[in-house]
Structure formats: structure tokens, C-alpha cells
Amino acid sequence: MPEVACPPGPISWPIVGQLPAFRKDPLAFLEGLTAKYGDLVFVRFGNQNVYFLNDPKLIEQVLVTENQNFTKSRVLQRARIFLGDGLLTVEGQNHLRQRRLVQPAFHRERLMGYATDMVAIGDRFRDGWQHGAQVDIDKEMMRLTLAIVGKTLFSADVESEARDVGEAMETLLGMFKFVMLPFSNILEKLPLPVMKRFRKAQASLDNIIYGLIRQRRAEGRDHGDLLSMLLDARDEEGDGSGMTDKQVRDEALTLFIAGHETTANALAWTWYLLSLHPDVESRMHQEIDQALDGRLPEFNDLPTLSYVEHVVAESMRLYPPAWVIGRQAREQFTLRDYNVPAKSIVLMSPYVTQRSKEFWPDPLTFNPERWAAANDRPKFAYFPFGGGPRLCIGERFAWMESVLMITAIAQKWRLRLVPGHIVEPKPLITLRPKNGIKMRVEAR
């Protein structure tokens, strides 16, 4: 029988536990737990029991084998205040129903159409740069992916509203630390400045999404995009009903944010790593030039751009946009020889696991070559998109977008980190660069 004792872990302070240390530097804190206590660690955040896993077998147990015993963690549960009941936040049968309704938007035929739109946007985007210009590549990639998600998922030109959306996104992501505070569900009801900024940001995004919904309902025709599909979707396995405007808004906003924010971060970190490794960049350019001979990439070119894909995979290994994944246990369960009480939180970090020397030789080195070689590492030594039934629904969309955009831009430009500019990761809901990534544009 499993023992009742807890796994090893740090001594916690009264009342707050280790929450202040985690909030101060989450990445260093989690890496330190593994370095000192191993791949199964017990820690307290306030009055909450937390189990941090760095063993791929245990990660698979939580995300796949016993997934029905877990709900999303407190952060995403609290994210309902701005995401509503979208795919990221709903649970159980509601999640299965909504995933069925949304899944057709990411079938191969749809992806082929999205690829055409992506490349057209990327072509216009790359023509907007000038040789020698200095750019904040993280902001530029946000602008690019905003245009892409607006067009491919909503057939809309939201790039013209990029500044408002960007500011709203900054505010919403800045809520990450706030929602981690004890009693934040009470604090949010108070007229605090942070809540006033949040409500303004929420209204800005809602105006865009609800505006698109009203426009489509009035037109009454299918635009062939995700929004049209959500408006027309019927629950054939249920009562045949469609979605209310609120339900459509929640799904649309969830995909709008997820499809914009995470891919932009992945692209920004990739350009940063390429600038530090010109040998990798040179090989990538060689593959692109040989595969395309100067023409723009297409959906059918993806199999010939394997090294570009390896570059993106290696970038997401070192800087995964979703740097931590949390689950809360519905019922008591076991991890190895330990009983884990119901309502405990389980944390898993792609950032930490994907940098583990146990699974990755020379783990801190940016080496896309490792993806071409055979390996016997466990499946969940790499999980930037999560896993199990809640695997990111847009994974194929994100891979395609990343490879096509890196390819299209790299055909015309090299990007070099501005000398003296310090780049550090900033873990919010996604892994952003703390001070941005300032780069100089150089024509090839």
C-alpha cells in the first residue's frame, strides 16, 4: 500500500508556504526543486498542497492515463473571468462537446487554406522591413500572428487594431500574478486599479469579437472560417442546439488569444536563438533555398522543410510558450509510493523537463540536429503542447504557421541581436522575453 508521507521538498513558511519564492522567480524556483529534491517534490503554496513532477512517466500518468481524475489548475480556472467557458477552461462533458464542435476547423483541408493566407500575410509583412532597421522582434511577431489569426480564423483584418489588442493582451497577461494571490476571487470584486485596467482590456477584446459575431449573424452566410463554423455548429449528439453569442465569444476569444500569443512567443524565441547560432541559421538558409528556389513556401512544401521544423522544435524545447502546466486532483490518487489527497495541485513544467540532462544530452545547447537522430527518450520528455485529451487543439496549426513564417521571412532577412541587449525569459501565462528582443534587420 502507498505510504501517507509526502515526497521530499522544502520547509514552508507559515501561512504563505513557498508561494513568495515561486512568485519571485518561478523558473529558478522550479529548477531548484528538481536539482535539490529530485523528480517528485512536495511543496506548499499558501494552504495548498502542490506536487511538482519532472518524471515523464508521472507526467503521462496525470495528462493521459488518469486524466479523468484531474481538472485544470487554479490559474486557468480563475482565467474564466476573462476567457469565459472556452476550451481552455471548461471541464468534463462540456469540454468534449466543445472540442467536437471546434475540431473540424483544424482538419487538413482547412489547414491548406490557412497556409495560403498565412504566406500571403507573411509576404506583405516581410516587405515592410528595411535593411539596417532595429525592431522589437517580439512585438513584430505579435503583430504578424495577430494578422494571421484574424484572417485565418475570423476572415477579418484585425491588424489595424493591433495596438488596442496588444495593450489589452498585456493587461490580461499581467493578471497572471494577481490571480495567483490568495483570496484573489474576493479582491477582484473591489474597485482596485488593477481590476479597472482588466475590465477595460476585457471590454476592448469583447468589442472586437462581439462585433464580428453581430456582423456574421446579420450577413447570414458562411465565410469558410472558424467563426462561421461556430455560428452554424449544432450539437448533433445532444439536443441539436447551437451556441449563444456568449458561447461563441468564449470559444473565439480563447482561440484568438491562444493562436496569437503562443505562436508569437515561439517565433520570437526562434529568431533570438538563430541570431546566436549563425551556423544553424546558415544550414537552415541552405535548406530553404534548395527547397524553394526563391518562390514563397506552400502547404505542400512542409515535408521538404524538415530542418526548419527541427529549428522550431529545438526553440520550443528551450523556450516553450506554455512553460508550466497545472492540474487539480478530483479524488485521492497515488504517485509512486505516495498518497496524494483530493484537491491537491500537480505542476509539470515543459521548461524544466525539456532542459533535463537526464533526457537531453548537453541540454542547454541549441542543437536542431538532435531531432534528426534516433532516440529512446520518453514521450513526455517533450510536451510543449501538453498531452492527452486536452492536447492543444491548434497544435498542427501552430507547427505549420511557425515553419511557414520562419521560412518566408528567412528567405529575405537575417536578424541579429542588438549588441548589449540582455534577453531574459519572463514567465507569465506564457513565456515572454522580459525586456523584449531588440534585433537589427539585415538583407540576405
Protein backbone atom coordinates (compact mmCIF):
# COMPACT_ATOMS: atom_id res chain seq x y z
CA MET A 1 0.00 0.00 0.00
CA PRO A 2 1.21 3.54 -0.66
CA GLU A 3 2.66 5.46 2.24
CA VAL A 4 0.92 8.53 3.62
CA ALA A 5 4.17 10.51 3.97
CA CYS A 6 4.86 13.30 1.47
CA PRO A 7 7.63 13.30 -1.13
CA PRO A 8 10.74 15.34 -0.27
CA GLY A 9 10.54 19.09 -0.53
CA PRO A 10 11.44 22.43 1.06
CA ILE A 11 10.28 23.54 4.50
CA SER A 12 7.43 26.01 4.06
CA TRP A 13 6.86 29.33 5.79
CA PRO A 14 3.74 29.65 7.94
CA ILE A 15 0.57 30.71 6.08
CA VAL A 16 2.24 31.60 2.73
CA GLY A 17 4.31 28.44 2.30
CA GLN A 18 6.73 28.74 -0.63
CA LEU A 19 4.43 30.94 -2.71
CA PRO A 20 6.55 34.13 -2.35
CA ALA A 21 9.66 32.28 -3.59
CA PHE A 22 7.75 30.88 -6.54
CA ARG A 23 6.28 34.26 -7.47
CA LYS A 24 9.67 35.96 -7.26
CA ASP A 25 11.34 33.71 -9.87
CA PRO A 26 9.13 30.80 -10.99
CA LEU A 27 11.61 29.22 -13.40
CA ALA A 28 14.54 29.27 -10.99
CA PHE A 29 12.29 28.05 -8.19
CA LEU A 30 11.06 25.00 -10.14
CA GLU A 31 14.54 24.18 -11.46
CA GLY A 32 15.84 24.42 -7.90
CA LEU A 33 13.21 21.99 -6.63
CA THR A 34 14.30 19.34 -9.11
CA ALA A 35 18.01 19.94 -8.55
CA LYS A 36 17.71 19.60 -4.77
CA TYR A 37 14.85 17.15 -4.21
CA GLY A 38 14.51 15.05 -7.37
CA ASP A 39 11.75 14.48 -9.91
CA LEU A 40 8.82 14.27 -7.46
CA VAL A 41 8.67 17.14 -4.98
CA PHE A 42 6.13 18.28 -2.40
CA VAL A 43 5.73 21.99 -1.69
CA ARG A 44 3.07 24.22 -0.16
CA PHE A 45 1.70 27.40 -1.77
CA GLY A 46 -0.31 29.06 0.99
CA ASN A 47 -2.58 26.32 2.30
CA GLN A 48 -2.44 24.39 -0.99
CA ASN A 49 -0.65 21.06 -1.38
CA VAL A 50 1.44 21.11 -4.57
CA TYR A 51 3.31 18.22 -6.20
CA PHE A 52 5.91 19.11 -8.81
CA LEU A 53 6.67 16.38 -11.36
CA ASN A 54 9.76 16.10 -13.53
CA ASP A 55 9.39 12.42 -14.42
CA PRO A 56 7.86 11.79 -17.89
CA LYS A 57 6.11 8.65 -16.63
CA LEU A 58 4.38 10.59 -13.87
CA ILE A 59 3.54 13.40 -16.28
CA GLU A 60 1.93 10.87 -18.61
CA GLN A 61 0.00 9.40 -15.68
CA VAL A 62 -1.57 12.77 -14.96
CA LEU A 63 -2.14 14.02 -18.52
CA VAL A 64 -3.12 10.72 -20.16
CA THR A 65 -3.60 7.58 -18.05
CA GLU A 66 -5.60 9.12 -15.22
CA ASN A 67 -6.66 12.36 -16.91
CA GLN A 68 -10.31 11.98 -15.84
CA ASN A 69 -9.27 12.50 -12.24
CA PHE A 70 -7.96 15.98 -12.95
CA THR A 71 -9.29 19.42 -13.74
CA LYS A 72 -7.33 22.41 -14.94
CA SER A 73 -5.30 24.18 -12.27
CA ARG A 74 -6.44 27.20 -10.30
CA VAL A 75 -4.83 29.68 -12.68
CA LEU A 76 -6.87 28.52 -15.66
CA GLN A 77 -9.97 28.10 -13.53
CA ARG A 78 -9.52 31.70 -12.49
CA ALA A 79 -8.86 32.65 -16.12
CA ARG A 80 -12.59 32.20 -16.65
CA ILE A 81 -13.00 35.81 -15.57
CA PHE A 82 -11.70 36.84 -19.00
CA LEU A 83 -11.83 33.66 -21.15
CA GLY A 84 -15.27 32.53 -20.05
CA ASP A 85 -16.10 28.90 -20.75
CA GLY A 86 -13.83 28.25 -23.71
CA LEU A 87 -11.84 25.11 -24.47
CA LEU A 88 -9.02 26.11 -22.13
CA THR A 89 -11.26 26.38 -19.09
CA VAL A 90 -14.28 24.07 -19.43
CA GLU A 91 -14.25 20.57 -17.98
CA GLY A 92 -15.81 17.16 -18.45
CA GLN A 93 -18.60 16.63 -20.95
CA ASN A 94 -18.75 20.34 -21.84
CA HIS A 95 -15.12 20.17 -22.92
CA LEU A 96 -15.72 17.07 -25.06
CA ARG A 97 -18.76 18.69 -26.69
CA GLN A 98 -16.98 21.93 -27.48
CA ARG A 99 -13.87 20.18 -28.75
CA ARG A 100 -16.05 18.20 -31.18
CA LEU A 101 -17.59 21.42 -32.43
CA VAL A 102 -14.25 23.18 -32.91
CA GLN A 103 -12.13 20.26 -34.20
CA PRO A 104 -13.23 20.47 -37.88
CA ALA A 105 -11.62 23.92 -38.10
CA PHE A 106 -8.21 22.22 -37.89
CA HIS A 107 -8.70 19.41 -40.40
CA ARG A 108 -6.18 19.08 -43.23
CA GLU A 109 -8.39 20.74 -45.85
CA ARG A 110 -8.84 23.78 -43.67
CA LEU A 111 -5.14 23.92 -42.85
CA MET A 112 -4.30 24.05 -46.55
CA GLY A 113 -6.46 27.13 -46.93
CA TYR A 114 -4.98 28.72 -43.82
CA ALA A 115 -1.46 28.13 -45.20
CA THR A 116 -2.25 30.21 -48.30
CA ASP A 117 -3.50 33.09 -46.16
CA MET A 118 -0.53 32.81 -43.79
CA VAL A 119 2.05 33.05 -46.54
CA ALA A 120 0.29 35.99 -48.20
CA ILE A 121 0.33 37.85 -44.88
CA GLY A 122 3.96 36.85 -44.24
CA ASP A 123 4.94 38.12 -47.69
CA ARG A 124 3.40 41.54 -47.05
CA PHE A 125 4.87 41.61 -43.55
CA ARG A 126 8.46 40.91 -44.62
CA ASP A 127 8.24 43.62 -47.28
CA GLY A 128 7.61 46.17 -44.53
CA TRP A 129 11.14 45.92 -43.11
CA GLN A 130 14.21 47.84 -44.27
CA HIS A 131 17.86 46.81 -44.19
CA GLY A 132 19.58 48.12 -41.05
CA ALA A 133 16.36 48.85 -39.18
CA GLN A 134 16.10 47.98 -35.50
CA VAL A 135 12.94 46.12 -34.47
CA ASP A 136 11.47 44.65 -31.30
CA ILE A 137 11.07 41.19 -32.75
CA ASP A 138 8.71 40.04 -30.00
CA LYS A 139 6.31 42.89 -30.82
CA GLU A 140 6.75 42.31 -34.56
CA MET A 141 5.85 38.64 -34.19
CA MET A 142 2.81 39.61 -32.11
CA ARG A 143 1.72 41.89 -34.93
CA LEU A 144 2.29 39.14 -37.51
CA THR A 145 0.41 36.40 -35.65
CA LEU A 146 -2.42 38.80 -34.84
CA ALA A 147 -2.92 39.41 -38.56
CA ILE A 148 -2.77 35.67 -39.23
CA VAL A 149 -5.24 34.62 -36.54
CA GLY A 150 -7.60 37.41 -37.57
CA LYS A 151 -7.59 36.30 -41.20
CA THR A 152 -7.42 32.51 -40.93
CA LEU A 153 -9.82 32.04 -38.05
CA PHE A 154 -12.13 35.04 -38.44
CA SER A 155 -11.65 36.30 -42.03
CA ALA A 156 -11.07 39.71 -40.52
CA ASP A 157 -8.42 42.37 -40.73
CA VAL A 158 -7.61 42.95 -37.08
CA GLU A 159 -4.08 44.16 -37.77
CA SER A 160 -5.46 47.70 -37.96
CA GLU A 161 -6.49 47.27 -34.31
CA ALA A 162 -3.18 45.70 -33.31
CA ARG A 163 -2.24 48.40 -30.81
CA ASP A 164 -5.51 48.15 -28.89
CA VAL A 165 -5.37 44.36 -28.93
CA GLY A 166 -1.72 44.37 -27.88
CA GLU A 167 -2.39 46.66 -24.93
CA ALA A 168 -5.38 44.57 -23.89
CA MET A 169 -3.31 41.40 -24.11
CA GLU A 170 -0.57 42.92 -21.95
CA THR A 171 -3.12 43.80 -19.29
CA LEU A 172 -4.78 40.38 -19.34
CA LEU A 173 -1.47 38.54 -19.16
CA GLY A 174 -0.38 40.87 -16.39
CA MET A 175 -3.29 39.46 -14.37
CA PHE A 176 -1.35 36.18 -14.02
CA LYS A 177 0.32 37.16 -10.75
CA PHE A 178 -2.88 38.72 -9.47
CA VAL A 179 -4.96 35.56 -9.96
CA MET A 180 -2.26 33.60 -8.12
CA LEU A 181 -2.77 35.69 -5.00
CA PRO A 182 -4.63 34.09 -2.10
CA PHE A 183 -8.23 35.38 -1.98
CA SER A 184 -7.96 36.97 -5.46
CA ASN A 185 -11.56 35.88 -6.08
CA ILE A 186 -12.50 38.33 -3.32
CA LEU A 187 -10.03 41.05 -4.32
CA GLU A 188 -11.39 41.14 -7.87
CA LYS A 189 -14.72 42.42 -6.57
CA LEU A 190 -13.06 45.53 -5.12
CA PRO A 191 -12.60 48.78 -7.11
CA LEU A 192 -8.84 48.27 -7.38
CA PRO A 193 -6.81 49.93 -10.18
CA VAL A 194 -5.70 46.50 -11.45
CA MET A 195 -9.33 45.45 -11.85
CA LYS A 196 -10.23 48.68 -13.62
CA ARG A 197 -7.42 48.06 -16.13
CA PHE A 198 -8.56 44.48 -16.53
CA ARG A 199 -12.17 45.40 -17.25
CA LYS A 200 -11.09 47.99 -19.81
CA ALA A 201 -8.90 45.39 -21.55
CA GLN A 202 -11.68 42.84 -21.48
CA ALA A 203 -14.13 45.32 -22.99
CA SER A 204 -11.66 46.13 -25.77
CA LEU A 205 -11.32 42.50 -26.82
CA ASP A 206 -15.05 41.86 -26.39
CA ASN A 207 -15.86 44.76 -28.71
CA ILE A 208 -13.80 43.14 -31.46
CA ILE A 209 -15.19 39.62 -31.01
CA TYR A 210 -18.84 40.58 -30.47
CA GLY A 211 -18.57 43.00 -33.39
CA LEU A 212 -17.54 40.13 -35.66
CA ILE A 213 -20.33 37.91 -34.31
CA ARG A 214 -23.00 40.58 -34.92
CA GLN A 215 -21.69 41.17 -38.42
CA ARG A 216 -21.82 37.47 -39.29
CA ARG A 217 -25.27 36.90 -37.84
CA ALA A 218 -26.55 39.85 -39.88
CA GLU A 219 -24.93 38.60 -43.09
CA GLY A 220 -26.15 35.04 -42.62
CA ARG A 221 -23.55 33.46 -44.91
CA ASP A 222 -20.65 31.06 -44.41
CA HIS A 223 -17.22 32.68 -44.76
CA GLY A 224 -15.49 29.30 -44.54
CA ASP A 225 -13.66 30.21 -41.33
CA LEU A 226 -13.83 29.16 -37.70
CA LEU A 227 -16.27 31.87 -36.66
CA SER A 228 -18.80 30.86 -39.33
CA MET A 229 -18.46 27.25 -38.24
CA LEU A 230 -19.07 28.12 -34.59
CA LEU A 231 -22.15 30.12 -35.50
CA ASP A 232 -23.52 27.29 -37.63
CA ALA A 233 -22.47 24.41 -35.34
CA ARG A 234 -25.15 22.17 -33.90
CA ASP A 235 -24.78 19.60 -31.14
CA GLU A 236 -25.84 16.58 -33.18
CA GLU A 237 -25.04 14.21 -30.30
CA GLY A 238 -27.11 16.29 -27.89
CA ASP A 239 -30.28 18.34 -28.34
CA GLY A 240 -29.25 19.80 -31.69
CA SER A 241 -28.95 23.30 -30.29
CA GLY A 242 -26.42 25.86 -31.42
CA MET A 243 -24.23 28.25 -29.49
CA THR A 244 -25.33 31.50 -27.91
CA ASP A 245 -23.36 34.66 -28.69
CA LYS A 246 -21.67 34.27 -25.29
CA GLN A 247 -20.58 30.69 -26.06
CA VAL A 248 -19.27 31.71 -29.47
CA ARG A 249 -17.46 34.64 -27.88
CA ASP A 250 -15.78 32.41 -25.29
CA GLU A 251 -14.50 29.94 -27.91
CA ALA A 252 -13.50 32.66 -30.34
CA LEU A 253 -11.66 34.68 -27.69
CA THR A 254 -9.88 31.58 -26.39
CA LEU A 255 -8.62 30.65 -29.87
CA PHE A 256 -7.91 34.29 -30.67
CA ILE A 257 -5.63 34.65 -27.66
CA ALA A 258 -4.08 31.18 -27.82
CA GLY A 259 -3.44 31.35 -31.56
CA HIS A 260 -1.92 34.81 -31.30
CA GLU A 261 0.14 34.84 -28.12
CA THR A 262 1.80 31.42 -28.01
CA THR A 263 2.96 31.27 -31.63
CA ALA A 264 4.29 34.83 -31.48
CA ASN A 265 6.44 33.88 -28.50
CA ALA A 266 7.68 30.72 -30.20
CA LEU A 267 8.69 32.72 -33.28
CA ALA A 268 10.42 35.45 -31.25
CA TRP A 269 12.49 32.93 -29.27
CA THR A 270 13.41 31.14 -32.51
CA TRP A 271 14.78 34.34 -34.08
CA TYR A 272 16.72 35.02 -30.88
CA LEU A 273 18.35 31.58 -30.91
CA LEU A 274 19.13 31.75 -34.64
CA SER A 275 20.90 35.07 -34.12
CA LEU A 276 23.15 33.41 -31.53
CA HIS A 277 23.91 30.43 -33.77
CA PRO A 278 24.82 31.57 -37.31
CA ASP A 279 25.93 28.04 -38.24
CA VAL A 280 22.41 26.76 -37.62
CA GLU A 281 20.98 29.73 -39.49
CA SER A 282 23.28 29.05 -42.46
CA ARG A 283 22.15 25.43 -42.72
CA MET A 284 18.53 26.49 -42.46
CA HIS A 285 19.01 29.03 -45.27
CA GLN A 286 20.57 26.33 -47.40
CA GLU A 287 17.57 24.03 -46.97
CA ILE A 288 15.11 26.84 -47.70
CA ASP A 289 16.96 27.96 -50.84
CA GLN A 290 17.24 24.43 -52.20
CA ALA A 291 13.62 23.54 -51.47
CA LEU A 292 12.01 26.72 -52.81
CA ASP A 293 14.48 28.32 -55.25
CA GLY A 294 13.22 31.79 -54.37
CA ARG A 295 9.47 31.19 -54.51
CA LEU A 296 7.20 31.53 -51.48
CA PRO A 297 6.53 28.40 -49.42
CA GLU A 298 3.27 26.47 -49.73
CA PHE A 299 1.47 23.87 -47.63
CA ASN A 300 2.87 21.03 -49.76
CA ASP A 301 6.44 22.25 -49.13
CA LEU A 302 6.27 21.46 -45.42
CA PRO A 303 7.77 17.93 -45.76
CA THR A 304 10.82 19.39 -47.55
CA LEU A 305 11.43 21.91 -44.76
CA SER A 306 12.38 19.38 -42.09
CA TYR A 307 15.38 21.31 -40.79
CA VAL A 308 13.25 24.43 -40.31
CA GLU A 309 10.85 22.27 -38.31
CA HIS A 310 13.77 20.95 -36.24
CA VAL A 311 14.85 24.54 -35.55
CA VAL A 312 11.36 25.40 -34.28
CA ALA A 313 11.18 22.18 -32.23
CA GLU A 314 14.50 22.93 -30.59
CA SER A 315 13.46 26.50 -29.87
CA MET A 316 10.27 25.28 -28.17
CA ARG A 317 12.34 22.78 -26.21
CA LEU A 318 14.40 25.56 -24.66
CA TYR A 319 11.69 28.23 -24.54
CA PRO A 320 8.26 26.57 -24.53
CA PRO A 321 5.50 29.20 -24.65
CA ALA A 322 3.45 27.11 -22.19
CA TRP A 323 6.20 26.89 -19.57
CA VAL A 324 4.10 25.25 -16.85
CA ILE A 325 1.01 23.02 -16.85
CA GLY A 326 -1.16 22.54 -13.78
CA ARG A 327 -3.89 20.11 -12.80
CA GLN A 328 -6.02 19.70 -9.67
CA ALA A 329 -6.99 16.24 -8.42
CA ARG A 330 -10.69 15.47 -8.09
CA GLU A 331 -10.10 12.42 -5.91
CA GLN A 332 -7.19 10.94 -3.96
CA PHE A 333 -4.64 9.13 -6.14
CA THR A 334 -1.11 7.79 -5.90
CA LEU A 335 2.23 8.97 -7.25
CA ARG A 336 4.74 6.15 -6.84
CA ASP A 337 4.56 5.25 -3.15
CA TYR A 338 2.71 8.35 -2.01
CA ASN A 339 -0.97 9.04 -1.41
CA VAL A 340 -1.96 12.39 -2.89
CA PRO A 341 -5.08 13.93 -1.32
CA ALA A 342 -8.03 15.16 -3.36
CA LYS A 343 -7.83 18.84 -4.40
CA SER A 344 -4.02 18.74 -4.49
CA ILE A 345 -2.32 20.65 -7.31
CA VAL A 346 0.07 18.89 -9.67
CA LEU A 347 2.56 21.06 -11.57
CA MET A 348 4.54 19.96 -14.63
CA SER A 349 6.96 22.25 -16.44
CA PRO A 350 7.95 21.74 -20.09
CA TYR A 351 10.64 24.36 -19.46
CA VAL A 352 12.26 22.30 -16.69
CA THR A 353 11.75 18.81 -18.13
CA GLN A 354 12.88 19.79 -21.61
CA ARG A 355 16.14 21.08 -20.15
CA SER A 356 16.83 17.97 -18.08
CA LYS A 357 20.22 16.36 -18.70
CA GLU A 358 18.61 13.01 -17.92
CA PHE A 359 16.74 13.10 -21.23
CA TRP A 360 18.68 15.63 -23.30
CA PRO A 361 22.45 15.40 -23.90
CA ASP A 362 24.04 18.82 -23.46
CA PRO A 363 20.55 20.16 -22.66
CA LEU A 364 21.26 23.91 -22.69
CA THR A 365 22.80 23.84 -26.17
CA PHE A 366 20.63 24.89 -29.11
CA ASN A 367 21.08 21.90 -31.39
CA PRO A 368 18.37 21.20 -34.01
CA GLU A 369 20.44 18.21 -35.19
CA ARG A 370 19.21 16.24 -32.19
CA TRP A 371 15.76 15.99 -33.80
CA ALA A 372 17.11 14.13 -36.86
CA ALA A 373 18.74 11.39 -34.78
CA ALA A 374 17.06 8.31 -33.37
CA ASN A 375 16.45 8.48 -29.64
CA ASP A 376 14.87 6.49 -26.86
CA ARG A 377 13.77 9.36 -24.64
CA PRO A 378 10.33 9.04 -23.00
CA LYS A 379 7.37 10.59 -24.80
CA PHE A 380 6.74 13.20 -22.15
CA ALA A 381 10.32 14.41 -22.01
CA TYR A 382 8.97 16.89 -24.60
CA PHE A 383 5.44 18.22 -24.26
CA PRO A 384 5.20 21.89 -25.32
CA PHE A 385 1.55 21.38 -26.35
CA GLY A 386 0.51 19.35 -23.30
CA GLY A 387 -0.91 15.88 -23.84
CA GLY A 388 -3.86 13.55 -23.54
CA PRO A 389 -7.47 14.62 -24.25
CA ARG A 390 -6.51 18.24 -23.56
CA LEU A 391 -3.66 18.32 -26.05
CA CYS A 392 -3.68 21.77 -27.67
CA ILE A 393 -6.31 21.63 -30.41
CA GLY A 394 -4.31 24.03 -32.56
CA GLU A 395 -1.00 22.12 -32.44
CA ARG A 396 -0.88 21.36 -36.18
CA PHE A 397 -1.93 24.93 -36.95
CA ALA A 398 0.90 26.27 -34.77
CA TRP A 399 3.56 23.99 -36.29
CA MET A 400 2.50 24.95 -39.79
CA GLU A 401 2.39 28.65 -39.02
CA SER A 402 5.79 28.62 -37.33
CA VAL A 403 7.57 26.75 -40.13
CA LEU A 404 5.97 28.81 -42.91
CA MET A 405 6.67 32.16 -41.23
CA ILE A 406 10.27 31.34 -40.31
CA THR A 407 10.80 30.17 -43.91
CA ALA A 408 9.16 33.14 -45.60
CA ILE A 409 10.99 35.74 -43.51
CA ALA A 410 14.35 33.92 -43.62
CA GLN A 411 14.21 33.94 -47.42
CA LYS A 412 14.69 37.69 -47.33
CA TRP A 413 16.19 38.66 -43.98
CA ARG A 414 18.70 37.80 -41.28
CA LEU A 415 18.04 39.05 -37.77
CA ARG A 416 20.84 39.99 -35.39
CA LEU A 417 20.52 40.69 -31.68
CA VAL A 418 21.39 44.31 -30.88
CA PRO A 419 24.77 44.31 -29.06
CA GLY A 420 24.43 44.76 -25.31
CA HIS A 421 20.73 43.95 -25.24
CA ILE A 422 20.04 41.47 -22.44
CA VAL A 423 17.33 38.89 -23.07
CA GLU A 424 15.69 37.07 -20.17
CA PRO A 425 12.55 34.92 -20.02
CA LYS A 426 9.55 36.33 -18.20
CA PRO A 427 7.07 33.61 -17.17
CA LEU A 428 3.53 34.97 -17.27
CA ILE A 429 0.73 32.79 -18.60
CA THR A 430 3.14 32.29 -21.49
CA LEU A 431 6.94 32.59 -21.59
CA ARG A 432 7.70 36.07 -22.84
CA PRO A 433 11.04 37.93 -23.09
CA LYS A 434 11.34 40.20 -20.05
CA ASN A 435 12.84 43.21 -21.81
CA GLY A 436 11.76 42.34 -25.32
CA ILE A 437 14.17 41.17 -28.02
CA LYS A 438 15.73 44.06 -29.91
CA MET A 439 17.17 42.96 -33.25
CA ARG A 440 18.72 44.51 -36.36
CA VAL A 441 17.32 43.55 -39.76
CA GLU A 442 19.88 42.56 -42.40
CA ALA A 443 19.04 41.77 -46.01
CA ARG A 444 20.31 38.41 -47.26
